[in-house]
Amino acid sequence: LTEMRNAEKSIQSIRRLNTDIRQTQRQLQKLENLPPLSFIERIRSASGGFGAIARNALGAFGAIGVFQSVKGIIKLGSDIEQTNIAFETMLGSADGAKKLIGELNEYANITPYENNDLYDQAKLLLNFGVAQEKILPSLRMLGDVAMGDKNKLQGLTLAFSQIQSTGRLMGQDLLQLINTGFNPLQELSKMTGKSMGTLKEEMGKGQISADMVTEAFKRATSEGGRFFNMSEKMSQTA
């Protein structure tokens, strides 16, 4: 009786697996027809981490993990397509999207940050009006200050984006930055020789511009600054 029950469970498991495989095959067929290039061609021509992962998965089709490999590639393909479309829409250029994604992938390869984390922060900066050519330099600064912590990077990026959008530093933005471990007024005090009290008064009058905040980040993350090259240093730790 026990053997019969086990056999029945096995048959049910096989049926469920066959159903999943059929659904996955249909999804894969849809992906293969995606314009302007087929999904498989996009995978094979992908650069950076995506290409390596995809090629390894494609090469594993003949192994025991065929089903999981197919599902993994479908998820990967969906992510790639969605990311490409999002950046093409925001930038209004397929070439611009390809260039930015490539830059973000290269940065992800040498830091603790995941590709998708960087994509999300890049989208946030773009949504607040930061120019494409400033996206990667901004993320490099913010990434160093965050020291490899994706949650801190998210908070820093939001505050930085808001400052760039309004054109000046406001009290709420300052508190957000301080909560993530960075006070731009301290850097500005070192740069200008002004006291913290004076700088806070100027901030209250709207005299601390977004450019000044950016310069504070640059100073803190340039050679000699306390956050210099911090993301790459953190990527070398266990």
Protein backbone atom coordinates (compact mmCIF):
# COMPACT_ATOMS: atom_id res chain seq x y z
CA LEU A 1 0.00 0.00 0.00
CA THR A 2 2.82 2.37 0.88
CA GLU A 3 4.56 1.61 -2.40
CA MET A 4 1.35 2.31 -4.33
CA ARG A 5 0.94 5.66 -2.59
CA ASN A 6 4.54 6.60 -3.31
CA ALA A 7 4.08 5.59 -6.95
CA GLU A 8 0.93 7.71 -7.18
CA LYS A 9 2.74 10.72 -5.72
CA SER A 10 5.56 10.25 -8.22
CA ILE A 11 3.11 10.13 -11.11
CA GLN A 12 1.42 13.31 -9.89
CA SER A 13 4.79 15.03 -9.59
CA ILE A 14 5.72 14.02 -13.13
CA ARG A 15 2.39 15.33 -14.44
CA ARG A 16 2.93 18.69 -12.70
CA LEU A 17 6.45 18.86 -14.08
CA ASN A 18 5.22 18.12 -17.60
CA THR A 19 2.60 20.87 -17.28
CA ASP A 20 5.25 23.34 -16.09
CA ILE A 21 7.55 22.35 -18.94
CA ARG A 22 4.82 22.92 -21.53
CA GLN A 23 4.05 26.35 -20.06
CA THR A 24 7.72 27.22 -20.00
CA GLN A 25 8.15 26.15 -23.62
CA ARG A 26 5.30 28.43 -24.66
CA GLN A 27 6.91 31.33 -22.78
CA LEU A 28 10.25 30.64 -24.44
CA GLN A 29 8.64 30.61 -27.88
CA LYS A 30 7.11 34.03 -27.18
CA LEU A 31 10.48 35.38 -26.10
CA GLU A 32 12.14 34.06 -29.25
CA ASN A 33 9.82 36.23 -31.33
CA LEU A 34 10.47 39.49 -29.49
CA PRO A 35 11.45 42.37 -31.83
CA PRO A 36 13.74 43.76 -33.03
CA LEU A 37 16.09 40.83 -32.33
CA SER A 38 15.08 37.37 -31.24
CA PHE A 39 15.47 36.66 -27.54
CA ILE A 40 18.15 34.03 -28.12
CA GLU A 41 20.14 36.41 -30.31
CA ARG A 42 19.90 39.10 -27.64
CA ILE A 43 21.23 36.64 -25.07
CA ARG A 44 24.09 35.49 -27.27
CA SER A 45 25.13 39.05 -28.08
CA ALA A 46 24.74 40.33 -24.51
CA SER A 47 27.85 41.80 -22.91
CA GLY A 48 29.07 41.69 -19.33
CA GLY A 49 27.52 39.56 -16.62
CA PHE A 50 24.26 38.91 -18.49
CA GLY A 51 26.02 37.32 -21.44
CA ALA A 52 28.15 35.03 -19.29
CA ILE A 53 25.21 33.86 -17.21
CA ALA A 54 23.06 33.27 -20.26
CA ARG A 55 25.73 31.37 -22.19
CA ASN A 56 26.35 29.12 -19.20
CA ALA A 57 22.65 28.42 -18.89
CA LEU A 58 22.28 27.74 -22.61
CA GLY A 59 25.16 25.29 -22.42
CA ALA A 60 23.47 23.43 -19.59
CA PHE A 61 20.37 22.49 -21.61
CA GLY A 62 21.54 18.92 -22.07
CA ALA A 63 22.10 18.35 -18.36
CA ILE A 64 19.73 17.18 -15.66
CA GLY A 65 18.79 20.78 -14.83
CA VAL A 66 17.22 21.48 -18.22
CA PHE A 67 13.92 22.68 -16.83
CA GLN A 68 15.45 25.03 -14.27
CA SER A 69 17.86 26.35 -16.89
CA VAL A 70 14.99 27.19 -19.23
CA LYS A 71 13.07 28.93 -16.45
CA GLY A 72 16.18 30.85 -15.46
CA ILE A 73 16.75 32.03 -19.01
CA ILE A 74 13.13 33.11 -19.36
CA LYS A 75 13.41 35.19 -16.20
CA LEU A 76 16.71 36.61 -17.42
CA GLY A 77 15.24 37.41 -20.81
CA SER A 78 12.24 39.14 -19.29
CA ASP A 79 14.50 41.25 -17.08
CA ILE A 80 16.70 42.25 -20.01
CA GLU A 81 13.74 43.19 -22.20
CA GLN A 82 12.04 45.21 -19.45
CA THR A 83 15.26 47.03 -18.60
CA ASN A 84 16.00 47.85 -22.24
CA ILE A 85 12.48 49.13 -22.86
CA ALA A 86 12.47 51.22 -19.67
CA PHE A 87 15.75 52.98 -20.47
CA GLU A 88 14.90 53.39 -24.18
CA THR A 89 11.66 55.09 -23.16
CA MET A 90 13.27 57.34 -20.56
CA LEU A 91 16.21 58.34 -22.75
CA GLY A 92 14.38 58.35 -26.06
CA SER A 93 17.26 56.45 -27.63
CA ALA A 94 18.08 52.77 -28.06
CA ASP A 95 21.78 53.57 -28.38
CA GLY A 96 21.69 55.71 -25.24
CA ALA A 97 19.97 52.92 -23.34
CA LYS A 98 22.54 50.35 -24.50
CA LYS A 99 25.41 52.63 -23.49
CA LEU A 100 24.02 53.38 -20.03
CA ILE A 101 23.16 49.74 -19.30
CA GLY A 102 26.67 48.72 -20.34
CA GLU A 103 28.19 51.31 -17.99
CA LEU A 104 26.00 50.19 -15.11
CA ASN A 105 26.89 46.53 -15.74
CA GLU A 106 30.61 47.35 -15.67
CA TYR A 107 30.18 49.25 -12.40
CA ALA A 108 28.23 46.33 -10.90
CA ASN A 109 31.07 43.97 -11.83
CA ILE A 110 33.58 45.81 -9.60
CA THR A 111 31.31 46.71 -6.66
CA PRO A 112 29.02 44.88 -4.23
CA TYR A 113 25.94 46.32 -5.95
CA GLU A 114 23.67 44.11 -8.05
CA ASN A 115 22.81 45.12 -11.61
CA ASN A 116 19.12 45.56 -10.84
CA ASP A 117 19.89 47.76 -7.82
CA LEU A 118 21.89 50.11 -10.04
CA TYR A 119 19.20 50.08 -12.74
CA ASP A 120 16.61 51.17 -10.19
CA GLN A 121 18.75 54.04 -8.89
CA ALA A 122 19.60 55.15 -12.43
CA LYS A 123 15.89 55.27 -13.26
CA LEU A 124 15.28 57.34 -10.14
CA LEU A 125 17.93 59.88 -11.15
CA LEU A 126 16.52 60.07 -14.67
CA ASN A 127 13.00 60.58 -13.34
CA PHE A 128 14.24 63.60 -11.37
CA GLY A 129 15.80 65.14 -14.45
CA VAL A 130 19.46 64.19 -14.03
CA ALA A 131 21.16 64.12 -17.45
CA GLN A 132 22.33 60.77 -18.84
CA GLU A 133 26.01 61.75 -18.83
CA LYS A 134 25.77 62.47 -15.09
CA ILE A 135 24.10 59.20 -14.10
CA LEU A 136 27.18 56.99 -13.71
CA PRO A 137 29.39 59.68 -12.09
CA SER A 138 26.59 60.39 -9.63
CA LEU A 139 26.09 56.70 -8.81
CA ARG A 140 29.84 56.27 -8.33
CA MET A 141 29.86 59.05 -5.73
CA LEU A 142 26.71 57.84 -4.02
CA GLY A 143 27.89 54.23 -4.15
CA ASP A 144 31.17 55.10 -2.43
CA VAL A 145 29.37 57.01 0.33
CA ALA A 146 26.94 54.09 0.79
CA MET A 147 29.95 51.76 1.17
CA GLY A 148 28.34 48.82 -0.59
CA ASP A 149 25.02 49.01 1.28
CA LYS A 150 22.19 48.96 -1.26
CA ASN A 151 19.66 50.35 1.24
CA LYS A 152 21.89 53.33 1.98
CA LEU A 153 22.45 53.79 -1.74
CA GLN A 154 18.70 53.96 -2.26
CA GLY A 155 18.30 56.61 0.46
CA LEU A 156 21.24 58.65 -0.80
CA THR A 157 20.02 58.52 -4.39
CA LEU A 158 16.54 59.68 -3.43
CA ALA A 159 17.84 62.64 -1.39
CA PHE A 160 20.42 63.54 -4.06
CA SER A 161 17.76 63.37 -6.80
CA GLN A 162 15.43 65.64 -4.85
CA ILE A 163 18.22 68.18 -4.33
CA GLN A 164 19.07 68.15 -8.04
CA SER A 165 15.39 68.60 -8.89
CA THR A 166 14.81 71.59 -6.58
CA GLY A 167 18.24 73.08 -7.26
CA ARG A 168 19.11 73.61 -3.60
CA LEU A 169 19.61 71.83 -0.28
CA MET A 170 16.65 71.89 2.08
CA GLY A 171 16.33 70.79 5.69
CA GLN A 172 14.46 67.57 4.91
CA ASP A 173 17.02 66.56 2.31
CA LEU A 174 19.84 67.25 4.76
CA LEU A 175 18.21 64.99 7.36
CA GLN A 176 17.84 62.21 4.78
CA LEU A 177 21.54 62.46 3.91
CA ILE A 178 22.61 62.55 7.57
CA ASN A 179 20.49 59.45 8.27
CA THR A 180 22.48 57.58 5.62
CA GLY A 181 25.80 58.68 7.11
CA PHE A 182 26.75 61.76 5.12
CA ASN A 183 26.53 65.45 6.01
CA PRO A 184 27.41 67.65 3.02
CA LEU A 185 27.67 70.72 5.27
CA GLN A 186 30.72 69.18 6.98
CA GLU A 187 32.46 68.88 3.62
CA LEU A 188 31.38 72.39 2.61
CA SER A 189 32.73 73.70 5.92
CA LYS A 190 36.13 72.20 5.11
CA MET A 191 35.99 73.58 1.58
CA THR A 192 34.91 77.13 2.44
CA GLY A 193 36.15 77.62 6.00
CA LYS A 194 32.65 78.63 7.07
CA SER A 195 31.20 77.34 10.32
CA MET A 196 28.40 74.79 10.40
CA GLY A 197 26.13 77.43 11.94
CA THR A 198 26.76 79.83 9.06
CA LEU A 199 26.13 77.13 6.48
CA LYS A 200 22.86 76.14 8.14
CA GLU A 201 21.74 79.76 8.03
CA GLU A 202 22.61 79.90 4.34
CA MET A 203 20.72 76.66 3.77
CA GLY A 204 17.66 78.19 5.43
CA LYS A 205 17.88 81.05 2.94
CA GLY A 206 18.15 78.64 0.00
CA GLN A 207 21.79 79.55 -0.66
CA ILE A 208 23.24 76.02 -0.62
CA SER A 209 22.85 75.03 -4.25
CA ALA A 210 22.61 71.55 -5.77
CA ASP A 211 25.99 72.14 -7.41
CA MET A 212 27.53 72.84 -4.00
CA VAL A 213 26.11 69.57 -2.65
CA THR A 214 27.54 67.72 -5.66
CA GLU A 215 30.94 69.29 -4.99
CA ALA A 216 30.70 68.10 -1.37
CA PHE A 217 30.11 64.54 -2.61
CA LYS A 218 32.99 64.84 -5.07
CA ARG A 219 35.36 66.02 -2.35
CA ALA A 220 34.37 63.19 0.01
CA THR A 221 34.81 60.53 -2.68
CA SER A 222 37.90 61.88 -4.47
CA GLU A 223 41.44 60.85 -3.60
CA GLY A 224 42.13 61.98 -0.04
CA GLY A 225 38.43 61.96 0.88
CA ARG A 226 37.14 59.58 3.54
CA PHE A 227 34.95 57.66 1.06
CA PHE A 228 37.50 57.44 -1.76
CA ASN A 229 37.11 54.24 -3.81
CA MET A 230 35.03 52.74 -1.00
CA SER A 231 32.73 50.62 -3.20
CA GLU A 232 35.60 48.75 -4.79
CA LYS A 233 37.27 48.29 -1.42
CA MET A 234 34.08 46.79 0.00
CA SER A 235 33.79 44.42 -2.98
CA GLN A 236 37.14 42.90 -2.01
CA THR A 237 35.95 41.89 1.46
CA ALA A 238 34.34 38.58 2.36
